[in-house]
Each structure stands twice: as structure tokens, then as C-alpha cells.
Amino acid sequence: MTDTARIDLWLWQARFFKTRAMAGAFVAAGRVRMIRGGLESRPDKASRTVRPGDQLVFVLGARIVEVEILALAERRGPAAEARTLYAPLSDEA
């Protein structure tokens, strides 16, 4: 397993989106903020990489999702497995 993953792949594996294409379009639209090492950025391409320790902030539906990436996955597993990939940073996630 590598130490980085594409942001669209990670969002799909963590089950925030039903398809990887939906995750990629969401990222390409500039709707995700990423915080790495205290620096905030907006990934503009689905191919941008994330790694454990990065924080993601985005709006899904009517809720703000703030998570810290804890792990990367090798596959898209069941929901219980997906929840081990991140830690919520707020009560809303």
C-alpha cells in the first residue's frame, strides 16, 4: 500500500460519494478544502493526492463535513470499514 491516494478515490472509498465520478466532479468544482501542515488549499483536480494527517472540509447536503484522514484503503469496503479511514473533527461529520 502506498502512502498517498487520489482525493476522488479516497472520498469514494470512505463512502462520502456513491461513485468515484461524483467524487471527482465534486473536487473539480472546487468544493473541497484540504489542510496539510497548517496550509489550506483547494484541490482543483481529482488526481490530487491525500495522505494520513490531511484534513478535509466540504459541504454535503445540509451539513459541513470536517474529517482528518487516518488511513488509506486498498478497496471500497463496507461502511464500518470506511469509518475507520477518518476521524470526524466536528459533531456534524
N, C-alpha and C. Protein backbone atom coordinates (compact mmCIF):
# COMPACT_ATOMS: atom_id res chain seq x y z
N MET A 1 0.84 -1.18 0.00
CA MET A 1 0.00 0.00 0.00
C MET A 1 0.89 1.24 0.00
N THR A 2 0.50 2.27 -0.73
CA THR A 2 1.28 3.50 -0.82
C THR A 2 0.90 4.44 0.31
N ASP A 3 1.64 5.53 0.42
CA ASP A 3 1.36 6.49 1.48
C ASP A 3 0.50 7.66 1.01
N THR A 4 0.08 7.65 -0.26
CA THR A 4 -0.84 8.67 -0.77
C THR A 4 -1.92 8.01 -1.61
N ALA A 5 -3.02 8.74 -1.81
CA ALA A 5 -4.11 8.25 -2.66
C ALA A 5 -4.74 9.45 -3.36
N ARG A 6 -5.33 9.21 -4.50
CA ARG A 6 -6.07 10.27 -5.19
C ARG A 6 -7.23 10.71 -4.30
N ILE A 7 -7.52 12.00 -4.32
CA ILE A 7 -8.59 12.50 -3.44
C ILE A 7 -9.95 11.95 -3.84
N ASP A 8 -10.22 11.81 -5.14
CA ASP A 8 -11.52 11.26 -5.55
C ASP A 8 -11.67 9.81 -5.13
N LEU A 9 -10.59 9.05 -5.24
CA LEU A 9 -10.62 7.65 -4.83
C LEU A 9 -10.85 7.52 -3.32
N TRP A 10 -10.17 8.35 -2.54
CA TRP A 10 -10.32 8.27 -1.09
C TRP A 10 -11.74 8.66 -0.66
N LEU A 11 -12.29 9.73 -1.24
CA LEU A 11 -13.66 10.14 -0.89
C LEU A 11 -14.66 9.04 -1.22
N TRP A 12 -14.45 8.34 -2.32
CA TRP A 12 -15.34 7.25 -2.72
C TRP A 12 -15.17 6.06 -1.78
N GLN A 13 -13.92 5.70 -1.48
CA GLN A 13 -13.66 4.56 -0.58
C GLN A 13 -14.18 4.83 0.82
N ALA A 14 -14.14 6.08 1.26
CA ALA A 14 -14.64 6.44 2.59
C ALA A 14 -16.17 6.59 2.59
N ARG A 15 -16.77 6.34 1.43
CA ARG A 15 -18.23 6.32 1.27
C ARG A 15 -18.92 7.67 1.46
N PHE A 16 -18.24 8.74 1.09
CA PHE A 16 -18.89 10.04 1.07
C PHE A 16 -19.67 10.24 -0.23
N PHE A 17 -19.31 9.48 -1.28
CA PHE A 17 -19.97 9.57 -2.58
C PHE A 17 -20.27 8.17 -3.10
N LYS A 18 -21.37 8.04 -3.86
CA LYS A 18 -21.77 6.75 -4.40
C LYS A 18 -20.84 6.27 -5.51
N THR A 19 -20.32 7.22 -6.31
CA THR A 19 -19.42 6.84 -7.40
C THR A 19 -18.16 7.68 -7.34
N ARG A 20 -17.12 7.14 -7.93
CA ARG A 20 -15.86 7.87 -7.99
C ARG A 20 -15.99 9.08 -8.90
N ALA A 21 -16.80 8.96 -9.95
CA ALA A 21 -17.04 10.08 -10.86
C ALA A 21 -17.69 11.25 -10.13
N MET A 22 -18.64 10.95 -9.25
CA MET A 22 -19.28 12.01 -8.47
C MET A 22 -18.27 12.70 -7.56
N ALA A 23 -17.40 11.93 -6.95
CA ALA A 23 -16.36 12.49 -6.08
C ALA A 23 -15.41 13.36 -6.90
N GLY A 24 -15.03 12.89 -8.08
CA GLY A 24 -14.13 13.66 -8.93
C GLY A 24 -14.74 14.97 -9.38
N ALA A 25 -16.00 14.95 -9.75
CA ALA A 25 -16.68 16.18 -10.17
C ALA A 25 -16.80 17.16 -9.01
N PHE A 26 -17.04 16.66 -7.82
CA PHE A 26 -17.15 17.48 -6.62
C PHE A 26 -15.83 18.21 -6.36
N VAL A 27 -14.72 17.47 -6.47
CA VAL A 27 -13.40 18.05 -6.26
C VAL A 27 -13.08 19.06 -7.36
N ALA A 28 -13.34 18.70 -8.62
CA ALA A 28 -13.04 19.57 -9.75
C ALA A 28 -13.82 20.89 -9.68
N ALA A 29 -14.98 20.86 -9.04
CA ALA A 29 -15.78 22.07 -8.88
C ALA A 29 -15.24 22.97 -7.77
N GLY A 30 -14.18 22.54 -7.10
CA GLY A 30 -13.57 23.36 -6.05
C GLY A 30 -14.34 23.37 -4.74
N ARG A 31 -15.05 22.29 -4.46
CA ARG A 31 -15.92 22.26 -3.28
C ARG A 31 -15.29 21.58 -2.07
N VAL A 32 -13.99 21.29 -2.15
CA VAL A 32 -13.29 20.64 -1.04
C VAL A 32 -12.12 21.52 -0.61
N ARG A 33 -11.98 21.73 0.69
CA ARG A 33 -10.80 22.40 1.23
C ARG A 33 -9.94 21.34 1.89
N MET A 34 -8.64 21.41 1.66
CA MET A 34 -7.71 20.47 2.26
C MET A 34 -6.71 21.25 3.10
N ILE A 35 -6.46 20.75 4.30
CA ILE A 35 -5.48 21.38 5.19
C ILE A 35 -4.38 20.36 5.43
N ARG A 36 -3.16 20.73 5.05
CA ARG A 36 -1.99 19.85 5.23
C ARG A 36 -0.88 20.70 5.84
N GLY A 37 -0.43 20.29 7.01
CA GLY A 37 0.66 21.00 7.66
C GLY A 37 0.31 22.45 7.99
N GLY A 38 -0.96 22.70 8.27
CA GLY A 38 -1.40 24.05 8.61
C GLY A 38 -1.69 24.93 7.41
N LEU A 39 -1.42 24.46 6.20
CA LEU A 39 -1.68 25.23 4.99
C LEU A 39 -2.96 24.74 4.33
N GLU A 40 -3.82 25.68 4.00
CA GLU A 40 -5.11 25.34 3.40
C GLU A 40 -5.03 25.50 1.88
N SER A 41 -5.64 24.56 1.17
CA SER A 41 -5.71 24.65 -0.29
C SER A 41 -7.03 24.07 -0.76
N ARG A 42 -7.33 24.34 -2.02
CA ARG A 42 -8.50 23.76 -2.65
C ARG A 42 -8.02 22.91 -3.82
N PRO A 43 -8.03 21.60 -3.66
CA PRO A 43 -7.61 20.74 -4.78
C PRO A 43 -8.49 21.02 -5.99
N ASP A 44 -7.87 21.21 -7.15
CA ASP A 44 -8.62 21.55 -8.35
C ASP A 44 -8.78 20.38 -9.32
N LYS A 45 -8.13 19.27 -9.01
CA LYS A 45 -8.21 18.09 -9.86
C LYS A 45 -8.45 16.86 -9.00
N ALA A 46 -9.17 15.91 -9.56
CA ALA A 46 -9.46 14.66 -8.83
C ALA A 46 -8.19 13.86 -8.60
N SER A 47 -7.14 14.14 -9.36
CA SER A 47 -5.90 13.38 -9.22
C SER A 47 -5.00 13.90 -8.11
N ARG A 48 -5.36 14.99 -7.45
CA ARG A 48 -4.55 15.49 -6.34
C ARG A 48 -4.50 14.42 -5.25
N THR A 49 -3.40 14.35 -4.55
CA THR A 49 -3.23 13.28 -3.57
C THR A 49 -3.51 13.75 -2.14
N VAL A 50 -3.95 12.79 -1.34
CA VAL A 50 -4.15 12.99 0.09
C VAL A 50 -3.34 11.94 0.81
N ARG A 51 -3.06 12.19 2.08
CA ARG A 51 -2.30 11.24 2.89
C ARG A 51 -2.83 11.32 4.32
N PRO A 52 -2.55 10.31 5.11
CA PRO A 52 -2.97 10.36 6.52
C PRO A 52 -2.42 11.63 7.19
N GLY A 53 -3.28 12.26 7.97
CA GLY A 53 -2.93 13.51 8.63
C GLY A 53 -3.55 14.72 7.96
N ASP A 54 -3.91 14.59 6.68
CA ASP A 54 -4.60 15.69 5.99
C ASP A 54 -6.00 15.85 6.56
N GLN A 55 -6.50 17.08 6.51
CA GLN A 55 -7.87 17.35 6.93
C GLN A 55 -8.65 17.83 5.72
N LEU A 56 -9.89 17.37 5.61
CA LEU A 56 -10.77 17.78 4.52
C LEU A 56 -12.01 18.44 5.09
N VAL A 57 -12.45 19.51 4.44
CA VAL A 57 -13.67 20.21 4.83
C VAL A 57 -14.50 20.40 3.57
N PHE A 58 -15.76 19.96 3.62
CA PHE A 58 -16.66 20.14 2.48
C PHE A 58 -18.10 20.08 2.96
N VAL A 59 -19.00 20.54 2.11
CA VAL A 59 -20.42 20.54 2.44
C VAL A 59 -21.11 19.44 1.65
N LEU A 60 -21.83 18.58 2.36
CA LEU A 60 -22.63 17.52 1.75
C LEU A 60 -24.06 17.72 2.18
N GLY A 61 -24.92 17.98 1.23
CA GLY A 61 -26.31 18.24 1.59
C GLY A 61 -26.40 19.49 2.43
N ALA A 62 -26.95 19.35 3.64
CA ALA A 62 -27.09 20.49 4.53
C ALA A 62 -26.09 20.47 5.67
N ARG A 63 -25.05 19.62 5.56
CA ARG A 63 -24.11 19.54 6.68
C ARG A 63 -22.68 19.81 6.23
N ILE A 64 -21.92 20.39 7.13
CA ILE A 64 -20.50 20.63 6.90
C ILE A 64 -19.74 19.41 7.42
N VAL A 65 -18.92 18.82 6.58
CA VAL A 65 -18.15 17.64 6.95
C VAL A 65 -16.70 18.07 7.14
N GLU A 66 -16.18 17.82 8.33
CA GLU A 66 -14.78 18.10 8.65
C GLU A 66 -14.17 16.81 9.17
N VAL A 67 -13.20 16.27 8.43
CA VAL A 67 -12.59 15.00 8.83
C VAL A 67 -11.07 15.07 8.71
N GLU A 68 -10.42 14.25 9.53
CA GLU A 68 -8.99 14.04 9.39
C GLU A 68 -8.79 12.65 8.82
N ILE A 69 -7.96 12.53 7.81
CA ILE A 69 -7.69 11.24 7.20
C ILE A 69 -6.77 10.45 8.11
N LEU A 70 -7.22 9.28 8.53
CA LEU A 70 -6.43 8.41 9.40
C LEU A 70 -5.70 7.33 8.62
N ALA A 71 -6.32 6.85 7.54
CA ALA A 71 -5.74 5.74 6.79
C ALA A 71 -6.20 5.79 5.34
N LEU A 72 -5.50 5.04 4.51
CA LEU A 72 -5.87 4.87 3.11
C LEU A 72 -6.37 3.44 2.95
N ALA A 73 -7.22 3.23 1.96
CA ALA A 73 -7.81 1.91 1.76
C ALA A 73 -7.27 1.27 0.48
N GLU A 74 -7.33 -0.04 0.42
CA GLU A 74 -6.96 -0.75 -0.79
C GLU A 74 -8.20 -1.06 -1.64
N ARG A 75 -9.36 -0.97 -1.00
CA ARG A 75 -10.61 -1.26 -1.71
C ARG A 75 -11.74 -0.46 -1.07
N ARG A 76 -12.90 -0.46 -1.70
CA ARG A 76 -14.07 0.18 -1.12
C ARG A 76 -14.83 -0.90 -0.36
N GLY A 77 -14.66 -0.90 0.94
CA GLY A 77 -15.26 -1.93 1.76
C GLY A 77 -16.60 -1.50 2.33
N PRO A 78 -17.11 -2.26 3.28
CA PRO A 78 -18.39 -1.94 3.92
C PRO A 78 -18.28 -0.64 4.73
N ALA A 79 -19.42 -0.10 5.09
CA ALA A 79 -19.47 1.19 5.79
C ALA A 79 -18.65 1.18 7.09
N ALA A 80 -18.70 0.08 7.82
CA ALA A 80 -17.94 0.00 9.08
C ALA A 80 -16.45 0.12 8.81
N GLU A 81 -15.99 -0.47 7.74
CA GLU A 81 -14.58 -0.37 7.37
C GLU A 81 -14.25 1.05 6.89
N ALA A 82 -15.15 1.65 6.16
CA ALA A 82 -14.93 3.01 5.65
C ALA A 82 -14.80 4.02 6.79
N ARG A 83 -15.54 3.81 7.87
CA ARG A 83 -15.48 4.76 9.01
C ARG A 83 -14.12 4.72 9.71
N THR A 84 -13.33 3.69 9.50
CA THR A 84 -12.01 3.63 10.12
C THR A 84 -10.97 4.45 9.35
N LEU A 85 -11.35 4.96 8.18
CA LEU A 85 -10.42 5.74 7.36
C LEU A 85 -10.30 7.18 7.80
N TYR A 86 -11.24 7.67 8.63
CA TYR A 86 -11.22 9.07 9.02
C TYR A 86 -11.74 9.26 10.44
N ALA A 87 -11.41 10.43 10.98
CA ALA A 87 -11.92 10.83 12.30
C ALA A 87 -12.66 12.15 12.11
N PRO A 88 -13.90 12.23 12.58
CA PRO A 88 -14.64 13.50 12.47
C PRO A 88 -13.99 14.55 13.35
N LEU A 89 -13.92 15.78 12.82
CA LEU A 89 -13.36 16.90 13.59
C LEU A 89 -14.46 17.76 14.20
N SER A 90 -15.70 17.43 13.88
CA SER A 90 -16.84 18.15 14.46
C SER A 90 -17.96 17.15 14.69
N ASP A 91 -18.99 17.57 15.38
CA ASP A 91 -20.12 16.70 15.65
C ASP A 91 -20.95 16.40 14.42
N GLU A 92 -20.80 17.23 13.37
CA GLU A 92 -21.61 17.10 12.16
C GLU A 92 -21.17 15.95 11.26
N ALA A 93 -19.89 15.55 11.30
CA ALA A 93 -19.37 14.56 10.35
C ALA A 93 -19.87 13.16 10.66
